[in-house]
Protein backbone atom coordinates (compact mmCIF):
# COMPACT_ATOMS: atom_id res chain seq x y z
CA MET A 1 -13.77 -15.48 -15.84
CA PRO A 2 -13.93 -13.65 -12.54
CA THR A 3 -12.18 -14.09 -9.32
CA VAL A 4 -13.29 -16.50 -6.95
CA LEU A 5 -13.39 -16.12 -3.39
CA LEU A 6 -14.24 -19.28 -1.38
CA SER A 7 -15.19 -18.90 2.58
CA ASP A 8 -17.77 -20.50 5.03
CA ASP A 9 -19.63 -19.32 7.94
CA ARG A 10 -18.88 -22.18 9.79
CA MET A 11 -15.08 -21.49 10.46
CA LEU A 12 -16.47 -18.59 12.39
CA LEU A 13 -17.55 -21.45 14.98
CA HIS A 14 -13.65 -21.89 15.75
CA ASP A 15 -12.84 -20.28 19.05
CA PRO A 16 -9.40 -20.84 20.42
CA GLY A 17 -10.82 -18.74 23.57
CA ARG A 18 -11.20 -15.64 25.08
CA GLY A 19 -8.49 -12.53 24.33
CA HIS A 20 -6.92 -15.15 21.69
CA PRO A 21 -5.47 -13.35 18.67
CA GLU A 22 -6.75 -15.61 16.27
CA ARG A 23 -10.32 -14.78 17.16
CA PRO A 24 -13.56 -15.30 14.83
CA GLN A 25 -13.97 -11.74 14.46
CA ARG A 26 -10.89 -11.83 12.08
CA LEU A 27 -12.60 -13.49 9.11
CA GLN A 28 -15.99 -11.98 9.75
CA ALA A 29 -14.21 -8.65 9.27
CA VAL A 30 -12.56 -9.91 5.89
CA VAL A 31 -15.89 -10.86 4.84
CA GLU A 32 -17.95 -7.95 5.98
CA ALA A 33 -15.14 -5.77 3.84
CA LEU A 34 -15.58 -7.66 0.61
CA ARG A 35 -19.21 -8.12 0.67
CA GLU A 36 -20.12 -4.16 1.55
CA PRO A 37 -19.61 -2.48 -0.74
CA PRO A 38 -19.63 -5.82 -2.91
CA VAL A 39 -16.05 -6.09 -5.16
CA ALA A 40 -16.72 -6.27 -8.58
CA SER A 41 -15.90 -9.04 -10.98
CA VAL A 42 -15.86 -11.79 -7.76
CA LEU A 43 -17.62 -14.97 -7.47
CA TRP A 44 -18.29 -16.45 -3.82
CA ARG A 45 -18.02 -20.09 -3.60
CA GLN A 46 -18.57 -22.22 -0.58
CA PRO A 47 -16.04 -25.06 0.18
CA LYS A 48 -16.08 -28.84 0.73
CA GLU A 49 -14.07 -30.45 3.48
CA ALA A 50 -10.59 -31.32 2.66
CA PRO A 51 -10.58 -35.28 2.08
CA THR A 52 -8.34 -37.16 4.23
CA ALA A 53 -6.40 -38.53 1.63
CA ALA A 54 -5.09 -34.85 0.76
CA LEU A 55 -4.17 -34.35 4.90
CA HIS A 56 -2.34 -37.61 4.59
CA ARG A 57 -0.36 -36.37 1.74
CA VAL A 58 1.56 -33.80 3.77
CA HIS A 59 0.84 -34.87 7.56
CA ASP A 60 1.84 -37.82 9.08
CA ASP A 61 -1.03 -40.72 9.42
CA ASP A 62 -1.08 -40.63 13.11
CA TYR A 63 -1.35 -36.61 13.07
CA VAL A 64 -4.29 -36.48 11.31
CA GLN A 65 -5.97 -39.17 12.76
CA GLY A 66 -5.09 -37.21 16.16
CA ILE A 67 -6.52 -34.25 15.13
CA LEU A 68 -9.89 -35.53 13.60
CA ASN A 69 -10.53 -37.44 16.93
CA LEU A 70 -10.69 -34.25 18.68
CA ARG A 71 -13.62 -33.46 16.59
CA GLY A 72 -16.97 -32.20 18.89
CA ARG A 73 -13.98 -31.78 21.88
CA SER A 74 -11.93 -29.31 23.20
CA ALA A 75 -8.41 -29.63 24.06
CA VAL A 76 -5.14 -27.81 24.37
CA LEU A 77 -2.15 -28.51 21.98
CA GLY A 78 0.34 -26.30 23.09
CA ASP A 79 1.05 -23.25 24.12
CA ASP A 80 -1.15 -20.78 21.83
CA THR A 81 -3.01 -23.66 19.76
CA ASN A 82 -6.42 -24.67 21.04
CA VAL A 83 -9.40 -26.45 19.87
CA CYS A 84 -13.36 -26.17 20.54
CA PRO A 85 -15.59 -28.57 19.62
CA ALA A 86 -16.33 -26.79 16.23
CA SER A 87 -12.34 -26.63 15.39
CA VAL A 88 -11.78 -29.54 13.50
CA GLU A 89 -15.01 -28.92 10.88
CA ALA A 90 -13.59 -25.50 10.49
CA ALA A 91 -9.96 -26.99 9.78
CA LEU A 92 -10.92 -29.12 7.67
CA LEU A 93 -13.34 -26.17 5.69
CA ALA A 94 -10.24 -24.12 5.77
CA ALA A 95 -7.83 -26.76 4.07
CA GLY A 96 -10.89 -27.25 1.34
CA CYS A 97 -11.00 -23.83 0.93
CA ALA A 98 -7.54 -23.84 -0.16
CA ILE A 99 -8.14 -27.03 -2.59
CA GLY A 100 -11.45 -25.51 -3.76
CA ALA A 101 -8.73 -22.47 -4.66
CA VAL A 102 -6.65 -24.48 -6.79
CA ASP A 103 -9.51 -26.08 -8.76
CA ALA A 104 -10.93 -23.24 -9.52
CA VAL A 105 -7.70 -21.66 -11.17
CA VAL A 106 -6.76 -25.16 -12.84
CA THR A 107 -9.83 -26.39 -14.27
CA LYS A 108 -12.69 -24.17 -13.72
CA GLY A 109 -11.43 -21.19 -15.52
CA ALA A 110 -11.36 -18.70 -12.75
CA THR A 111 -8.75 -15.72 -13.21
CA ASN A 112 -7.67 -16.23 -9.49
CA ALA A 113 -8.70 -17.40 -6.60
CA PHE A 114 -8.31 -16.50 -2.83
CA ALA A 115 -8.99 -19.03 0.01
CA LEU A 116 -10.59 -17.23 2.84
CA GLY A 117 -10.28 -19.69 5.90
CA ARG A 118 -9.41 -19.99 9.41
CA PRO A 119 -7.79 -21.49 11.33
CA PRO A 120 -4.45 -20.67 9.58
CA GLY A 121 -2.28 -23.24 8.44
CA HIS A 122 1.51 -22.44 7.45
CA HIS A 123 2.95 -23.00 11.02
CA ALA A 124 1.49 -26.95 11.13
CA GLU A 125 4.16 -29.03 10.64
CA ARG A 126 4.20 -32.56 9.16
CA ASN A 127 3.29 -33.67 12.58
CA ARG A 128 2.44 -30.78 14.97
CA ALA A 129 -0.17 -28.29 15.37
CA MET A 130 1.69 -25.18 16.54
CA GLY A 131 1.33 -21.26 15.93
CA PHE A 132 -3.00 -21.40 16.08
CA CYS A 133 -2.69 -24.10 13.04
CA LEU A 134 -4.15 -27.46 12.82
CA PHE A 135 -3.83 -28.90 9.04
CA ASN A 136 -1.02 -26.71 6.58
CA ASN A 137 -3.79 -25.20 4.26
CA VAL A 138 -1.30 -24.17 1.50
CA ALA A 139 0.51 -27.22 1.76
CA VAL A 140 -2.56 -29.38 1.17
CA ALA A 141 -3.50 -27.02 -1.88
CA ALA A 142 0.44 -27.32 -3.24
CA ASP A 143 0.10 -31.42 -2.90
CA HIS A 144 -3.53 -31.72 -4.18
CA ALA A 145 -1.81 -29.71 -7.34
CA LEU A 146 0.40 -32.17 -7.63
CA SER A 147 -1.46 -35.29 -6.78
CA VAL A 148 -4.73 -34.37 -8.58
CA HIS A 149 -4.09 -32.31 -11.46
CA GLY A 150 -0.47 -33.75 -12.56
CA ILE A 151 1.22 -30.24 -11.92
CA GLU A 152 4.92 -30.56 -11.92
CA ARG A 153 6.07 -27.42 -10.12
CA VAL A 154 4.46 -25.18 -7.21
CA MET A 155 5.94 -22.25 -6.48
CA ILE A 156 4.83 -20.74 -2.60
CA ILE A 157 5.15 -17.51 -1.71
CA ASP A 158 4.58 -16.53 1.92
CA TRP A 159 4.44 -12.94 2.82
CA ASP A 160 3.34 -13.26 6.70
CA VAL A 161 5.47 -11.59 9.06
CA HIS A 162 6.15 -14.97 10.57
CA HIS A 163 7.95 -17.62 8.90
CA GLY A 164 6.23 -20.57 7.55
CA ASN A 165 8.22 -23.30 9.66
CA GLY A 166 5.55 -26.00 8.78
CA THR A 167 5.11 -25.54 4.95
CA GLN A 168 9.18 -25.49 4.91
CA ASP A 169 9.48 -28.63 7.04
CA ILE A 170 6.63 -30.51 4.75
CA PHE A 171 8.58 -29.51 1.32
CA PHE A 172 12.34 -29.08 2.73
CA GLU A 173 13.46 -32.44 0.87
CA ARG A 174 11.69 -32.09 -2.19
CA ASN A 175 11.86 -29.57 -5.34
CA ASP A 176 8.64 -29.93 -6.87
CA VAL A 177 7.58 -27.50 -4.38
CA LEU A 178 9.59 -24.02 -4.21
CA PHE A 179 9.20 -22.10 -1.13
CA VAL A 180 9.83 -18.29 -0.80
CA SER A 181 9.37 -16.52 2.34
CA THR A 182 9.82 -13.38 3.74
CA HIS A 183 9.44 -12.64 7.35
CA GLN A 184 10.79 -10.58 10.08
CA GLU A 185 13.79 -11.85 11.36
CA PHE A 186 14.51 -13.22 15.26
CA LEU A 187 10.18 -13.62 15.70
CA TYR A 188 8.14 -16.20 16.20
CA PRO A 189 8.93 -19.04 15.84
CA GLY A 190 12.34 -18.65 15.37
CA THR A 191 12.83 -20.31 12.19
CA GLY A 192 13.30 -19.41 8.66
CA ALA A 193 17.16 -18.35 8.83
CA LEU A 194 18.89 -17.16 5.39
CA GLU A 195 20.98 -20.59 5.73
CA GLU A 196 18.02 -22.70 5.74
CA ILE A 197 17.87 -23.68 1.76
CA GLY A 198 16.42 -27.46 1.68
CA ASP A 199 18.14 -30.63 1.75
CA GLY A 200 18.72 -33.59 -0.72
CA ALA A 201 16.73 -33.05 -3.57
CA GLY A 202 15.21 -30.05 -1.96
CA ALA A 203 18.85 -28.13 -1.91
CA GLY A 204 18.28 -24.74 -2.90
CA TYR A 205 14.51 -24.76 -2.94
CA THR A 206 13.53 -23.27 0.40
CA VAL A 207 14.58 -19.59 -0.32
CA ASN A 208 14.03 -17.61 3.15
CA LEU A 209 14.42 -13.87 3.20
CA PRO A 210 14.77 -12.83 6.86
CA LEU A 211 14.05 -8.91 7.50
CA PRO A 212 14.44 -6.45 9.82
CA ALA A 213 12.33 -4.30 12.00
CA SER A 214 10.61 -1.16 10.10
CA PHE A 215 10.87 -3.04 6.39
CA ASP A 216 8.42 -0.84 4.50
CA ASP A 217 6.37 -1.18 1.24
CA ASP A 218 8.87 0.28 -0.91
CA ALA A 219 11.51 -2.23 0.37
CA MET A 220 9.64 -5.32 -0.22
CA LEU A 221 8.66 -4.07 -3.57
CA GLU A 222 12.31 -4.09 -4.35
CA LEU A 223 12.90 -7.28 -3.00
CA PHE A 224 10.28 -8.75 -4.72
CA ARG A 225 11.76 -7.19 -8.04
CA ARG A 226 15.10 -7.92 -7.31
CA VAL A 227 15.39 -11.80 -5.88
CA VAL A 228 11.50 -12.88 -5.68
CA GLU A 229 10.60 -12.53 -9.74
CA PRO A 230 13.62 -13.86 -10.95
CA ILE A 231 13.78 -16.81 -9.00
CA ALA A 232 9.94 -17.44 -10.50
CA ARG A 233 11.12 -16.71 -13.89
CA GLN A 234 14.02 -19.52 -13.66
CA TYR A 235 11.78 -21.98 -11.61
CA GLU A 236 8.77 -21.69 -13.96
CA PRO A 237 6.09 -23.01 -11.88
CA GLN A 238 3.11 -24.21 -13.01
CA ILE A 239 0.73 -22.90 -10.56
CA MET A 240 1.66 -20.33 -7.96
CA LEU A 241 0.08 -20.41 -4.07
CA LEU A 242 0.38 -16.99 -2.13
CA SER A 243 0.27 -17.82 1.96
CA ALA A 244 -1.51 -14.13 2.20
CA GLY A 245 -0.38 -13.25 6.04
CA PHE A 246 -1.23 -9.66 7.03
CA ASP A 247 0.43 -9.49 10.11
CA ALA A 248 3.59 -7.48 8.56
CA HIS A 249 1.16 -4.49 8.72
CA GLY A 250 2.27 -1.22 10.54
CA ASP A 251 -0.81 -1.86 12.55
CA ASP A 252 -0.56 -5.27 13.41
CA PRO A 253 0.17 -6.05 17.12
CA LEU A 254 2.31 -9.31 16.45
CA GLY A 255 5.17 -7.53 14.54
CA GLN A 256 7.22 -4.54 13.37
CA LEU A 257 7.39 -4.38 9.85
CA LEU A 258 5.76 -1.54 8.12
CA LEU A 259 3.60 -2.88 5.34
CA SER A 260 0.37 -0.84 4.36
CA ASP A 261 -2.92 -1.43 2.83
CA ASN A 262 -1.46 -0.21 -0.45
CA GLY A 263 1.44 -1.63 0.02
CA TYR A 264 -0.68 -5.19 -0.10
CA ALA A 265 -2.50 -4.10 -3.13
CA ALA A 266 1.45 -3.24 -4.92
CA LEU A 267 2.65 -6.54 -4.14
CA THR A 268 -0.25 -8.32 -5.42
CA GLY A 269 0.53 -6.54 -8.67
CA SER A 270 4.04 -8.01 -8.42
CA VAL A 271 2.75 -11.47 -7.89
CA LEU A 272 0.33 -11.33 -11.15
CA ASP A 273 3.11 -10.10 -13.03
CA MET A 274 5.12 -13.09 -12.07
CA ALA A 275 2.47 -15.43 -12.59
CA ALA A 276 1.83 -13.95 -15.96
CA ALA A 277 5.33 -13.79 -16.86
CA VAL A 278 5.50 -17.56 -16.27
CA GLY A 279 2.06 -18.55 -17.66
CA ALA A 280 0.81 -19.92 -14.51
CA PRO A 281 -2.57 -19.76 -12.45
CA LEU A 282 -2.49 -17.68 -9.01
CA ALA A 283 -4.57 -18.87 -5.86
CA PHE A 284 -3.95 -16.76 -2.51
CA VAL A 285 -4.33 -18.74 1.27
CA LEU A 286 -5.58 -16.77 4.24
CA GLU A 287 -2.68 -16.83 6.83
CA GLY A 288 -2.57 -14.16 9.51
CA GLY A 289 -3.41 -10.78 10.35
CA TYR A 290 -4.64 -9.65 13.97
CA ASP A 291 -5.32 -6.20 13.56
CA LEU A 292 -9.07 -6.02 12.43
CA GLY A 293 -8.91 -2.96 10.38
CA ALA A 294 -5.64 -3.62 8.86
CA LEU A 295 -6.66 -7.24 7.97
CA SER A 296 -9.87 -6.42 6.28
CA ARG A 297 -8.39 -3.20 4.31
CA SER A 298 -5.56 -5.12 2.95
CA VAL A 299 -7.52 -8.32 1.87
CA ARG A 300 -9.93 -5.89 0.23
CA ALA A 301 -6.83 -4.14 -1.60
CA CYS A 302 -5.80 -7.56 -2.75
CA VAL A 303 -8.95 -8.80 -4.08
CA GLU A 304 -9.58 -5.61 -6.24
CA GLN A 305 -5.97 -6.19 -7.50
CA LEU A 306 -6.71 -9.45 -8.46
CA ALA A 307 -10.02 -8.82 -9.67
CA ASP A 308 -9.00 -5.69 -11.41
CA PRO A 309 -5.26 -4.84 -11.88
CA THR A 310 -5.68 -1.58 -13.24
CA THR A 311 -7.76 -0.09 -10.21
CA ALA A 312 -5.44 -0.62 -6.90
CA PRO A 313 -2.54 2.10 -6.48
CA LYS A 314 0.92 0.63 -6.90
CA SER A 315 2.82 2.69 -4.42
CA ARG A 316 2.53 4.70 -1.09
CA LYS A 317 5.45 7.08 -2.38
CA ASN A 318 6.26 9.09 -5.21
CA ASP A 319 9.62 7.54 -7.11
CA ALA A 320 11.96 9.74 -4.97
CA GLY A 321 10.30 8.63 -1.66
CA ALA A 322 10.18 4.98 -2.84
CA ALA A 323 13.89 5.33 -3.76
CA ALA A 324 14.55 6.79 -0.39
CA SER A 325 12.87 3.95 1.27
CA ALA A 326 14.76 1.20 -0.53
CA GLY A 327 17.93 3.04 -0.13
CA MET A 328 17.17 2.90 3.74
CA PHE A 329 17.84 -0.98 3.38
CA ALA A 330 20.67 -1.19 0.66
CA SER A 331 22.40 -3.08 3.00
CA VAL A 332 19.88 -6.06 3.59
CA LEU A 333 18.44 -6.04 -0.02
CA ASP A 334 22.64 -6.64 -1.20
CA HIS A 335 22.70 -8.98 1.21
CA LEU A 336 19.89 -11.23 0.52
CA ALA A 337 20.39 -11.02 -3.33
CA SER A 338 24.07 -12.06 -2.86
CA PHE A 339 23.21 -15.16 -0.81
CA HIS A 340 20.71 -16.10 -2.90
CA ARG A 341 22.59 -15.34 -6.44
CA GLN A 342 24.59 -18.33 -5.94
CA ARG A 343 21.83 -20.72 -6.60
CA TRP A 344 19.43 -18.55 -8.82
CA THR A 345 20.41 -16.52 -11.91
CA GLY A 346 19.00 -13.28 -12.63
CA ILE A 347 19.47 -12.02 -9.28
CA GLU A 348 20.54 -8.66 -9.21
CA VAL A 349 23.72 -7.75 -6.85
């Protein structure tokens, strides 16, 4: 079965205001890059709005109702999070995209899926909108997999340059969702320290991997190989979700990591290998990415890899260059691996 892509033009009507980074052109650029020329072996589908029951499972009741009450209105919800009359419909569709991606890979036979929605979601906490986000799309998708499909273990990997504080907040005390985040340290929103590992039943099931500026493709691939892949093998998720932000790209204005188009394709290959190793279906959910060219090229590179893993490049460097790149960050990689090896076996030190 083909890779399923979910999107809807109504999400273009969400307009946070002139000059805002999370502008409608982001999704427009992504869809245009995927449609012309078309990517082979993909199937486009339109989402339905997320049902309110799905939202209530991860957000407080009063919060959900408060956002729904803004339908058809304009409001400022924080320093960086604004809504216009069409924003709530867009947010419901974005969450619906994520639900549809889960349904596609769990019950409808899709090889994998990508929810191309906006506004993004991973900063939305249980009771607070922030960071351009209203509903936490990937959290909604994860709990949908658990509650509707009877899945028992979900793994979320978040490679956005910003820490997914909302996803962490929602699942911090749970062990049925393993949350792994790679993000630039000391960047917005200021969360995601190495020592934030979860609490109660969730202790150890939050895995933060804060990274220094200039961390690049090959260092990230080495981090996935040494840390993320062994954790996935030990946890054995029954579905894997990817919070796919593209603002760790070297061209993005909001971060200082140095990933490339090819790097994202290679990381997608790594995640595909993880999913295959544990027999888990895989769905991507769009998050950040604010340089239109870098965003659209990188999404296309990922989708091409999802649709045909044999076609996308695995690295931007030769073996010697990759080793040198990883060597520049050897102490960082060793520190991250040593810390999480206390709870997860198979991690190389």
